[in-house]
Amino acid sequence: MYALNYEANTYLAVTLSPGSTYFQDPATLAAVHPSISHVGQVGPLQDVQLMSVPKRDWDGVKEEVLQSLMGSGGIGRVDIQVAQQRAKRGGDEL
């Protein structure tokens, strides 16, 4: 498990297309753009990889990063992740 720091990074969930060459070595997705780092697989989903871009760079490279990922082939979609506060369950809800 990895710790995510949404204050320092923007996270991207990259969904691989069936038959993508990135299945063999998902970390090579980071080579698509110099601002991208590979964080890891999203849970048990082998076709979804989590990537990060430093927040300090994000505004200046957002479009370039998204175009680079989508244009690299073997990628079905890219979703920008947003941190959300989880709600605690109260004792009465169970």
C-alpha atoms as a PDB file:
ATOM      1  CA  MET A   1       0.000   0.000   0.000  1.00  0.00           C
ATOM      2  CA  TYR A   2       1.246   3.475  -0.766  1.00  0.00           C
ATOM      3  CA  ALA A   3       0.557   6.776   0.996  1.00  0.00           C
ATOM      4  CA  LEU A   4      -0.947   9.466  -1.215  1.00  0.00           C
ATOM      5  CA  ASN A   5      -0.181  13.139  -0.684  1.00  0.00           C
ATOM      6  CA  TYR A   6      -2.850  15.174  -2.475  1.00  0.00           C
ATOM      7  CA  GLU A   7      -1.297  18.429  -1.228  1.00  0.00           C
ATOM      8  CA  ALA A   8       1.943  17.736  -3.100  1.00  0.00           C
ATOM      9  CA  ASN A   9       0.698  15.734  -6.115  1.00  0.00           C
ATOM     10  CA  THR A  10      -2.061  15.437  -8.655  1.00  0.00           C
ATOM     11  CA  TYR A  11      -2.982  11.792  -9.261  1.00  0.00           C
ATOM     12  CA  LEU A  12      -4.126  10.244 -12.510  1.00  0.00           C
ATOM     13  CA  ALA A  13      -5.853   6.872 -12.849  1.00  0.00           C
ATOM     14  CA  VAL A  14      -4.731   5.461 -16.187  1.00  0.00           C
ATOM     15  CA  THR A  15      -6.891   2.649 -17.587  1.00  0.00           C
ATOM     16  CA  LEU A  16      -5.033   0.416 -20.007  1.00  0.00           C
ATOM     17  CA  SER A  17      -6.672  -0.843 -23.182  1.00  0.00           C
ATOM     18  CA  PRO A  18      -7.013  -4.614 -23.612  1.00  0.00           C
ATOM     19  CA  GLY A  19      -3.804  -5.912 -25.156  1.00  0.00           C
ATOM     20  CA  SER A  20      -1.790  -2.844 -24.109  1.00  0.00           C
ATOM     21  CA  THR A  21       1.969  -3.356 -24.033  1.00  0.00           C
ATOM     22  CA  TYR A  22       2.003  -1.502 -20.690  1.00  0.00           C
ATOM     23  CA  PHE A  23       0.560  -4.604 -18.960  1.00  0.00           C
ATOM     24  CA  GLN A  24       4.042  -6.150 -19.145  1.00  0.00           C
ATOM     25  CA  ASP A  25       5.726  -3.235 -17.342  1.00  0.00           C
ATOM     26  CA  PRO A  26       3.275  -0.541 -16.145  1.00  0.00           C
ATOM     27  CA  ALA A  27       6.086   1.555 -14.673  1.00  0.00           C
ATOM     28  CA  THR A  28       7.165   2.430 -18.224  1.00  0.00           C
ATOM     29  CA  LEU A  29       4.117   4.728 -18.396  1.00  0.00           C
ATOM     30  CA  ALA A  30       6.285   7.247 -16.533  1.00  0.00           C
ATOM     31  CA  ALA A  31       8.483   7.572 -19.630  1.00  0.00           C
ATOM     32  CA  VAL A  32       5.579   9.143 -21.551  1.00  0.00           C
ATOM     33  CA  HIS A  33       6.260  12.567 -19.948  1.00  0.00           C
ATOM     34  CA  PRO A  34       9.078  13.769 -17.655  1.00  0.00           C
ATOM     35  CA  SER A  35       6.640  15.096 -15.007  1.00  0.00           C
ATOM     36  CA  ILE A  36       4.888  11.727 -14.534  1.00  0.00           C
ATOM     37  CA  SER A  37       5.783   9.188 -11.840  1.00  0.00           C
ATOM     38  CA  HIS A  38       4.315   5.703 -11.527  1.00  0.00           C
ATOM     39  CA  VAL A  39       2.702   5.154  -8.110  1.00  0.00           C
ATOM     40  CA  GLY A  40       1.338   1.645  -8.611  1.00  0.00           C
ATOM     41  CA  GLN A  41      -1.600  -0.543  -9.494  1.00  0.00           C
ATOM     42  CA  VAL A  42      -5.039   0.505  -8.239  1.00  0.00           C
ATOM     43  CA  GLY A  43      -6.120  -2.308  -5.901  1.00  0.00           C
ATOM     44  CA  PRO A  44      -6.714  -5.605  -7.694  1.00  0.00           C
ATOM     45  CA  LEU A  45      -7.400  -3.849 -11.022  1.00  0.00           C
ATOM     46  CA  GLN A  46      -4.493  -4.832 -13.272  1.00  0.00           C
ATOM     47  CA  ASP A  47      -5.709  -2.530 -16.021  1.00  0.00           C
ATOM     48  CA  VAL A  48      -5.717   0.619 -13.849  1.00  0.00           C
ATOM     49  CA  GLN A  49      -2.439   2.274 -12.882  1.00  0.00           C
ATOM     50  CA  LEU A  50      -2.011   5.300 -10.626  1.00  0.00           C
ATOM     51  CA  MET A  51       0.370   8.007 -11.799  1.00  0.00           C
ATOM     52  CA  SER A  52       1.369  11.261 -10.098  1.00  0.00           C
ATOM     53  CA  VAL A  53       2.452  14.715 -11.223  1.00  0.00           C
ATOM     54  CA  PRO A  54       3.822  17.264  -8.736  1.00  0.00           C
ATOM     55  CA  LYS A  55       1.217  19.974  -7.983  1.00  0.00           C
ATOM     56  CA  ARG A  56       3.841  22.672  -8.575  1.00  0.00           C
ATOM     57  CA  ASP A  57       4.110  21.471 -12.214  1.00  0.00           C
ATOM     58  CA  TRP A  58       0.492  20.432 -12.858  1.00  0.00           C
ATOM     59  CA  ASP A  59      -1.015  23.723 -14.057  1.00  0.00           C
ATOM     60  CA  GLY A  60       1.769  24.230 -16.587  1.00  0.00           C
ATOM     61  CA  VAL A  61       1.859  20.670 -17.948  1.00  0.00           C
ATOM     62  CA  LYS A  62      -1.711  19.388 -17.515  1.00  0.00           C
ATOM     63  CA  GLU A  63      -2.733  19.428 -21.190  1.00  0.00           C
ATOM     64  CA  GLU A  64       0.656  18.175 -22.330  1.00  0.00           C
ATOM     65  CA  VAL A  65       0.590  15.271 -19.847  1.00  0.00           C
ATOM     66  CA  LEU A  66      -2.963  14.239 -20.767  1.00  0.00           C
ATOM     67  CA  GLN A  67      -2.220  14.449 -24.508  1.00  0.00           C
ATOM     68  CA  SER A  68       1.018  12.484 -24.078  1.00  0.00           C
ATOM     69  CA  LEU A  69      -0.745   9.711 -22.178  1.00  0.00           C
ATOM     70  CA  MET A  70      -3.705   9.444 -24.562  1.00  0.00           C
ATOM     71  CA  GLY A  71      -1.436   9.637 -27.604  1.00  0.00           C
ATOM     72  CA  SER A  72       0.975   6.948 -26.454  1.00  0.00           C
ATOM     73  CA  GLY A  73      -1.259   4.039 -27.503  1.00  0.00           C
ATOM     74  CA  GLY A  74      -2.531   1.274 -25.271  1.00  0.00           C
ATOM     75  CA  ILE A  75      -4.398   3.655 -22.967  1.00  0.00           C
ATOM     76  CA  GLY A  76      -8.190   3.635 -22.843  1.00  0.00           C
ATOM     77  CA  ARG A  77      -8.776   6.585 -20.537  1.00  0.00           C
ATOM     78  CA  VAL A  78      -7.188   8.918 -18.011  1.00  0.00           C
ATOM     79  CA  ASP A  79      -9.085  10.188 -14.959  1.00  0.00           C
ATOM     80  CA  ILE A  80      -7.856  12.975 -12.699  1.00  0.00           C
ATOM     81  CA  GLN A  81      -8.289  11.872  -9.092  1.00  0.00           C
ATOM     82  CA  VAL A  82      -9.738  14.212  -6.460  1.00  0.00           C
ATOM     83  CA  ALA A  83      -9.238  13.712  -2.741  1.00  0.00           C
ATOM     84  CA  GLN A  84     -12.519  13.253  -0.915  1.00  0.00           C
ATOM     85  CA  GLN A  85     -13.157  13.097   2.801  1.00  0.00           C
ATOM     86  CA  ARG A  86     -14.714   9.812   3.848  1.00  0.00           C
ATOM     87  CA  ALA A  87     -17.771  10.064   6.033  1.00  0.00           C
ATOM     88  CA  LYS A  88     -17.703   8.152   9.291  1.00  0.00           C
ATOM     89  CA  ARG A  89     -20.623   5.936  10.073  1.00  0.00           C
ATOM     90  CA  GLY A  90     -22.489   6.749  13.229  1.00  0.00           C
ATOM     91  CA  GLY A  91     -23.408   4.085  15.749  1.00  0.00           C
ATOM     92  CA  ASP A  92     -27.099   4.375  14.794  1.00  0.00           C
ATOM     93  CA  GLU A  93     -26.514   3.587  11.105  1.00  0.00           C
ATOM     94  CA  LEU A  94     -25.578  -0.027  11.615  1.00  0.00           C
END
